């Protein structure tokens, strides 16, 4: 689903409807620090799943089991919902799913998927707090810090 609007301070998309009528619902998301942080985490540790290869319907965030609480908090604050984590049986991997066809479609169109992940040009004109959140989310996913060293 294509975004309805994008301004300097918010984005909107249509959320696929449920039930018999399946009427789409518009969703407006402010370009806040928390939303930026969730999208930064997506860029570092996220992927998009497709329903029957037709349309994106789920965003999955993958990390180590030790990151479950951190990732859950980031996704919940950024998108307003998140599923319960699932854990791999043979490794330390954890998976958090955000079931939202509208959000998944918007993220797919704006930020890409797998090897096509990118920052869209409009990010550079977005509010500073959103940009900082994007950077912090990316660092939460792919960053590393040694406390006992000057190496990063």
C-alpha atoms as a PDB file:
ATOM      1  CA  UNK A   1       0.000   0.000   0.000  1.00  0.00           C
ATOM      2  CA  UNK A   2       1.431   3.347  -0.981  1.00  0.00           C
ATOM      3  CA  UNK A   3       1.714   6.108   1.610  1.00  0.00           C
ATOM      4  CA  UNK A   4      -1.178   8.527   1.519  1.00  0.00           C
ATOM      5  CA  UNK A   5       0.926  11.504   2.538  1.00  0.00           C
ATOM      6  CA  UNK A   6       4.329  12.453   3.806  1.00  0.00           C
ATOM      7  CA  UNK A   7       5.127  15.783   5.354  1.00  0.00           C
ATOM      8  CA  UNK A   8       8.166  16.919   7.249  1.00  0.00           C
ATOM      9  CA  UNK A   9       6.549  15.724  10.493  1.00  0.00           C
ATOM     10  CA  UNK A  10       4.478  12.626   9.685  1.00  0.00           C
ATOM     11  CA  UNK A  11       3.765   9.818   7.245  1.00  0.00           C
ATOM     12  CA  UNK A  12       0.492   8.049   6.515  1.00  0.00           C
ATOM     13  CA  UNK A  13      -0.453   4.730   4.984  1.00  0.00           C
ATOM     14  CA  UNK A  14      -3.555   2.601   4.556  1.00  0.00           C
ATOM     15  CA  UNK A  15      -3.882  -0.372   6.876  1.00  0.00           C
ATOM     16  CA  UNK A  16      -5.595  -3.285   5.149  1.00  0.00           C
ATOM     17  CA  UNK A  17      -9.036  -3.840   6.643  1.00  0.00           C
ATOM     18  CA  UNK A  18     -10.205  -6.999   8.388  1.00  0.00           C
ATOM     19  CA  UNK A  19     -13.496  -8.840   8.591  1.00  0.00           C
ATOM     20  CA  UNK A  20     -16.117  -9.073   5.888  1.00  0.00           C
ATOM     21  CA  UNK A  21     -15.878  -5.489   4.628  1.00  0.00           C
ATOM     22  CA  UNK A  22     -12.064  -5.244   4.580  1.00  0.00           C
ATOM     23  CA  UNK A  23     -12.288  -1.445   4.523  1.00  0.00           C
ATOM     24  CA  UNK A  24      -8.780   0.085   4.667  1.00  0.00           C
ATOM     25  CA  UNK A  25      -8.065   2.399   7.597  1.00  0.00           C
ATOM     26  CA  UNK A  26      -5.709   5.381   7.308  1.00  0.00           C
ATOM     27  CA  UNK A  27      -2.842   5.398   9.822  1.00  0.00           C
ATOM     28  CA  UNK A  28      -0.833   8.546  10.562  1.00  0.00           C
ATOM     29  CA  UNK A  29       2.573   8.105  12.159  1.00  0.00           C
ATOM     30  CA  UNK A  30       4.549  11.089  13.499  1.00  0.00           C
ATOM     31  CA  UNK A  31       8.245  11.195  12.568  1.00  0.00           C
ATOM     32  CA  UNK A  32       9.270  10.882  16.210  1.00  0.00           C
ATOM     33  CA  UNK A  33      12.428   9.645  17.900  1.00  0.00           C
ATOM     34  CA  UNK A  34      10.711   6.325  18.783  1.00  0.00           C
ATOM     35  CA  UNK A  35       9.454   5.712  15.228  1.00  0.00           C
ATOM     36  CA  UNK A  36      12.922   6.504  13.880  1.00  0.00           C
ATOM     37  CA  UNK A  37      14.494   4.117  16.376  1.00  0.00           C
ATOM     38  CA  UNK A  38      12.187   1.278  15.305  1.00  0.00           C
ATOM     39  CA  UNK A  39      13.025   1.923  11.629  1.00  0.00           C
ATOM     40  CA  UNK A  40      16.756   2.024  12.442  1.00  0.00           C
ATOM     41  CA  UNK A  41      16.376  -1.363  14.103  1.00  0.00           C
ATOM     42  CA  UNK A  42      14.612  -2.600  10.967  1.00  0.00           C
ATOM     43  CA  UNK A  43      17.540  -1.442   8.818  1.00  0.00           C
ATOM     44  CA  UNK A  44      19.945  -3.351  11.080  1.00  0.00           C
ATOM     45  CA  UNK A  45      17.969  -6.469  12.031  1.00  0.00           C
ATOM     46  CA  UNK A  46      14.661  -6.490  10.178  1.00  0.00           C
ATOM     47  CA  UNK A  47      13.065  -8.179   7.208  1.00  0.00           C
ATOM     48  CA  UNK A  48       9.705  -8.103   5.445  1.00  0.00           C
ATOM     49  CA  UNK A  49       7.445 -11.140   4.985  1.00  0.00           C
ATOM     50  CA  UNK A  50       4.909 -11.415   2.175  1.00  0.00           C
ATOM     51  CA  UNK A  51       1.438 -12.937   2.309  1.00  0.00           C
ATOM     52  CA  UNK A  52       1.259 -15.462  -0.519  1.00  0.00           C
ATOM     53  CA  UNK A  53       4.005 -13.484  -2.296  1.00  0.00           C
ATOM     54  CA  UNK A  54       1.400 -10.843  -3.130  1.00  0.00           C
ATOM     55  CA  UNK A  55       1.821  -8.073  -0.597  1.00  0.00           C
ATOM     56  CA  UNK A  56       3.982  -7.365   2.467  1.00  0.00           C
ATOM     57  CA  UNK A  57       2.136  -8.206   5.672  1.00  0.00           C
ATOM     58  CA  UNK A  58       4.710  -8.558   8.456  1.00  0.00           C
ATOM     59  CA  UNK A  59       7.951  -6.987   9.667  1.00  0.00           C
ATOM     60  CA  UNK A  60      10.247  -9.355  11.593  1.00  0.00           C
ATOM     61  CA  UNK A  61      13.069  -8.206  13.854  1.00  0.00           C
ATOM     62  CA  UNK A  62      15.731 -10.819  14.650  1.00  0.00           C
ATOM     63  CA  UNK A  63      18.278 -10.778  17.452  1.00  0.00           C
ATOM     64  CA  UNK A  64      19.847 -12.692  20.308  1.00  0.00           C
ATOM     65  CA  UNK A  65      17.575 -13.868  23.136  1.00  0.00           C
ATOM     66  CA  UNK A  66      19.300 -11.386  25.444  1.00  0.00           C
ATOM     67  CA  UNK A  67      17.911  -8.536  23.306  1.00  0.00           C
ATOM     68  CA  UNK A  68      14.248  -9.565  23.588  1.00  0.00           C
ATOM     69  CA  UNK A  69      13.216  -6.876  26.087  1.00  0.00           C
ATOM     70  CA  UNK A  70      15.156  -4.111  24.308  1.00  0.00           C
ATOM     71  CA  UNK A  71      13.806  -4.973  20.842  1.00  0.00           C
ATOM     72  CA  UNK A  72      10.233  -5.402  22.162  1.00  0.00           C
ATOM     73  CA  UNK A  73      10.381  -1.967  23.790  1.00  0.00           C
ATOM     74  CA  UNK A  74      11.779  -0.298  20.649  1.00  0.00           C
ATOM     75  CA  UNK A  75       9.161  -1.835  18.328  1.00  0.00           C
ATOM     76  CA  UNK A  76       6.273  -1.207  20.743  1.00  0.00           C
ATOM     77  CA  UNK A  77       7.221   2.449  21.256  1.00  0.00           C
ATOM     78  CA  UNK A  78       7.807   2.988  17.536  1.00  0.00           C
ATOM     79  CA  UNK A  79       4.796   1.215  16.033  1.00  0.00           C
ATOM     80  CA  UNK A  80       2.424   0.881  18.990  1.00  0.00           C
ATOM     81  CA  UNK A  81       2.247  -2.912  18.892  1.00  0.00           C
ATOM     82  CA  UNK A  82       4.383  -6.046  18.670  1.00  0.00           C
ATOM     83  CA  UNK A  83       3.750  -9.783  18.939  1.00  0.00           C
ATOM     84  CA  UNK A  84       5.139 -12.081  21.594  1.00  0.00           C
ATOM     85  CA  UNK A  85       8.697 -13.183  20.801  1.00  0.00           C
ATOM     86  CA  UNK A  86       9.421 -16.555  19.272  1.00  0.00           C
ATOM     87  CA  UNK A  87      12.667 -18.415  19.930  1.00  0.00           C
ATOM     88  CA  UNK A  88      14.687 -20.750  17.743  1.00  0.00           C
ATOM     89  CA  UNK A  89      15.032 -24.239  19.176  1.00  0.00           C
ATOM     90  CA  UNK A  90      18.628 -24.822  18.097  1.00  0.00           C
ATOM     91  CA  UNK A  91      20.191 -21.379  18.543  1.00  0.00           C
ATOM     92  CA  UNK A  92      19.990 -18.216  20.637  1.00  0.00           C
ATOM     93  CA  UNK A  93      17.931 -16.411  17.972  1.00  0.00           C
ATOM     94  CA  UNK A  94      14.788 -14.486  18.857  1.00  0.00           C
ATOM     95  CA  UNK A  95      12.127 -13.236  16.411  1.00  0.00           C
ATOM     96  CA  UNK A  96       9.656 -10.393  16.984  1.00  0.00           C
ATOM     97  CA  UNK A  97       6.857  -9.909  14.471  1.00  0.00           C
ATOM     98  CA  UNK A  98       4.905  -6.775  13.716  1.00  0.00           C
ATOM     99  CA  UNK A  99       1.760  -7.889  11.875  1.00  0.00           C
ATOM    100  CA  UNK A 100       0.628  -4.852   9.928  1.00  0.00           C
ATOM    101  CA  UNK A 101       0.227  -4.983   6.166  1.00  0.00           C
ATOM    102  CA  UNK A 102       0.097  -1.202   5.927  1.00  0.00           C
ATOM    103  CA  UNK A 103       3.269  -0.636   7.944  1.00  0.00           C
ATOM    104  CA  UNK A 104       5.065  -3.527   6.218  1.00  0.00           C
ATOM    105  CA  UNK A 105       4.135  -2.202   2.771  1.00  0.00           C
ATOM    106  CA  UNK A 106       5.211   1.325   3.657  1.00  0.00           C
ATOM    107  CA  UNK A 107       8.551   0.167   5.145  1.00  0.00           C
ATOM    108  CA  UNK A 108       9.154  -2.059   2.112  1.00  0.00           C
ATOM    109  CA  UNK A 109       8.534   0.793  -0.336  1.00  0.00           C
ATOM    110  CA  UNK A 110      10.494   3.402   1.598  1.00  0.00           C
ATOM    111  CA  UNK A 111      13.398   1.448   3.131  1.00  0.00           C
ATOM    112  CA  UNK A 112      13.660  -1.681   0.971  1.00  0.00           C
ATOM    113  CA  UNK A 113      14.187  -5.290   1.933  1.00  0.00           C
ATOM    114  CA  UNK A 114      17.149  -7.660   2.279  1.00  0.00           C
ATOM    115  CA  UNK A 115      19.910  -6.474  -0.070  1.00  0.00           C
ATOM    116  CA  UNK A 116      17.942  -3.414  -1.233  1.00  0.00           C
ATOM    117  CA  UNK A 117      17.708  -1.683   2.165  1.00  0.00           C
ATOM    118  CA  UNK A 118      18.331   2.042   1.906  1.00  0.00           C
ATOM    119  CA  UNK A 119      17.625   5.444   3.409  1.00  0.00           C
ATOM    120  CA  UNK A 120      15.111   7.377   1.320  1.00  0.00           C
ATOM    121  CA  UNK A 121      16.114  10.946   0.433  1.00  0.00           C
ATOM    122  CA  UNK A 122      13.372  12.496   2.567  1.00  0.00           C
ATOM    123  CA  UNK A 123      15.053  11.195   5.755  1.00  0.00           C
ATOM    124  CA  UNK A 124      17.674  13.929   5.414  1.00  0.00           C
ATOM    125  CA  UNK A 125      14.947  16.601   5.654  1.00  0.00           C
ATOM    126  CA  UNK A 126      13.075  14.888   8.504  1.00  0.00           C
ATOM    127  CA  UNK A 127      13.088  16.287  12.070  1.00  0.00           C
ATOM    128  CA  UNK A 128      16.381  15.902  13.932  1.00  0.00           C
ATOM    129  CA  UNK A 129      14.812  13.793  16.711  1.00  0.00           C
ATOM    130  CA  UNK A 130      13.600  11.294  14.087  1.00  0.00           C
ATOM    131  CA  UNK A 131      17.081  11.164  12.509  1.00  0.00           C
ATOM    132  CA  UNK A 132      18.673  10.554  15.924  1.00  0.00           C
ATOM    133  CA  UNK A 133      16.194   7.763  16.625  1.00  0.00           C
ATOM    134  CA  UNK A 134      17.013   6.167  13.266  1.00  0.00           C
ATOM    135  CA  UNK A 135      20.720   6.221  14.111  1.00  0.00           C
ATOM    136  CA  UNK A 136      20.209   4.924  17.658  1.00  0.00           C
ATOM    137  CA  UNK A 137      17.985   2.076  16.444  1.00  0.00           C
ATOM    138  CA  UNK A 138      20.580   1.067  13.868  1.00  0.00           C
ATOM    139  CA  UNK A 139      23.302   1.105  16.524  1.00  0.00           C
ATOM    140  CA  UNK A 140      21.090  -0.996  18.842  1.00  0.00           C
ATOM    141  CA  UNK A 141      20.917  -3.619  16.092  1.00  0.00           C
ATOM    142  CA  UNK A 142      24.373  -3.565  14.521  1.00  0.00           C
ATOM    143  CA  UNK A 143      26.485  -1.507  16.896  1.00  0.00           C
ATOM    144  CA  UNK A 144      29.164  -2.723  19.250  1.00  0.00           C
ATOM    145  CA  UNK A 145      30.878  -1.080  22.193  1.00  0.00           C
ATOM    146  CA  UNK A 146      33.718  -2.370  24.358  1.00  0.00           C
ATOM    147  CA  UNK A 147      33.507  -0.607  27.713  1.00  0.00           C
ATOM    148  CA  UNK A 148      37.030  -1.516  28.739  1.00  0.00           C
ATOM    149  CA  UNK A 149      38.609  -0.241  25.529  1.00  0.00           C
ATOM    150  CA  UNK A 150      38.798   2.756  23.205  1.00  0.00           C
ATOM    151  CA  UNK A 151      37.970   0.441  20.293  1.00  0.00           C
ATOM    152  CA  UNK A 152      34.423   0.634  18.897  1.00  0.00           C
END
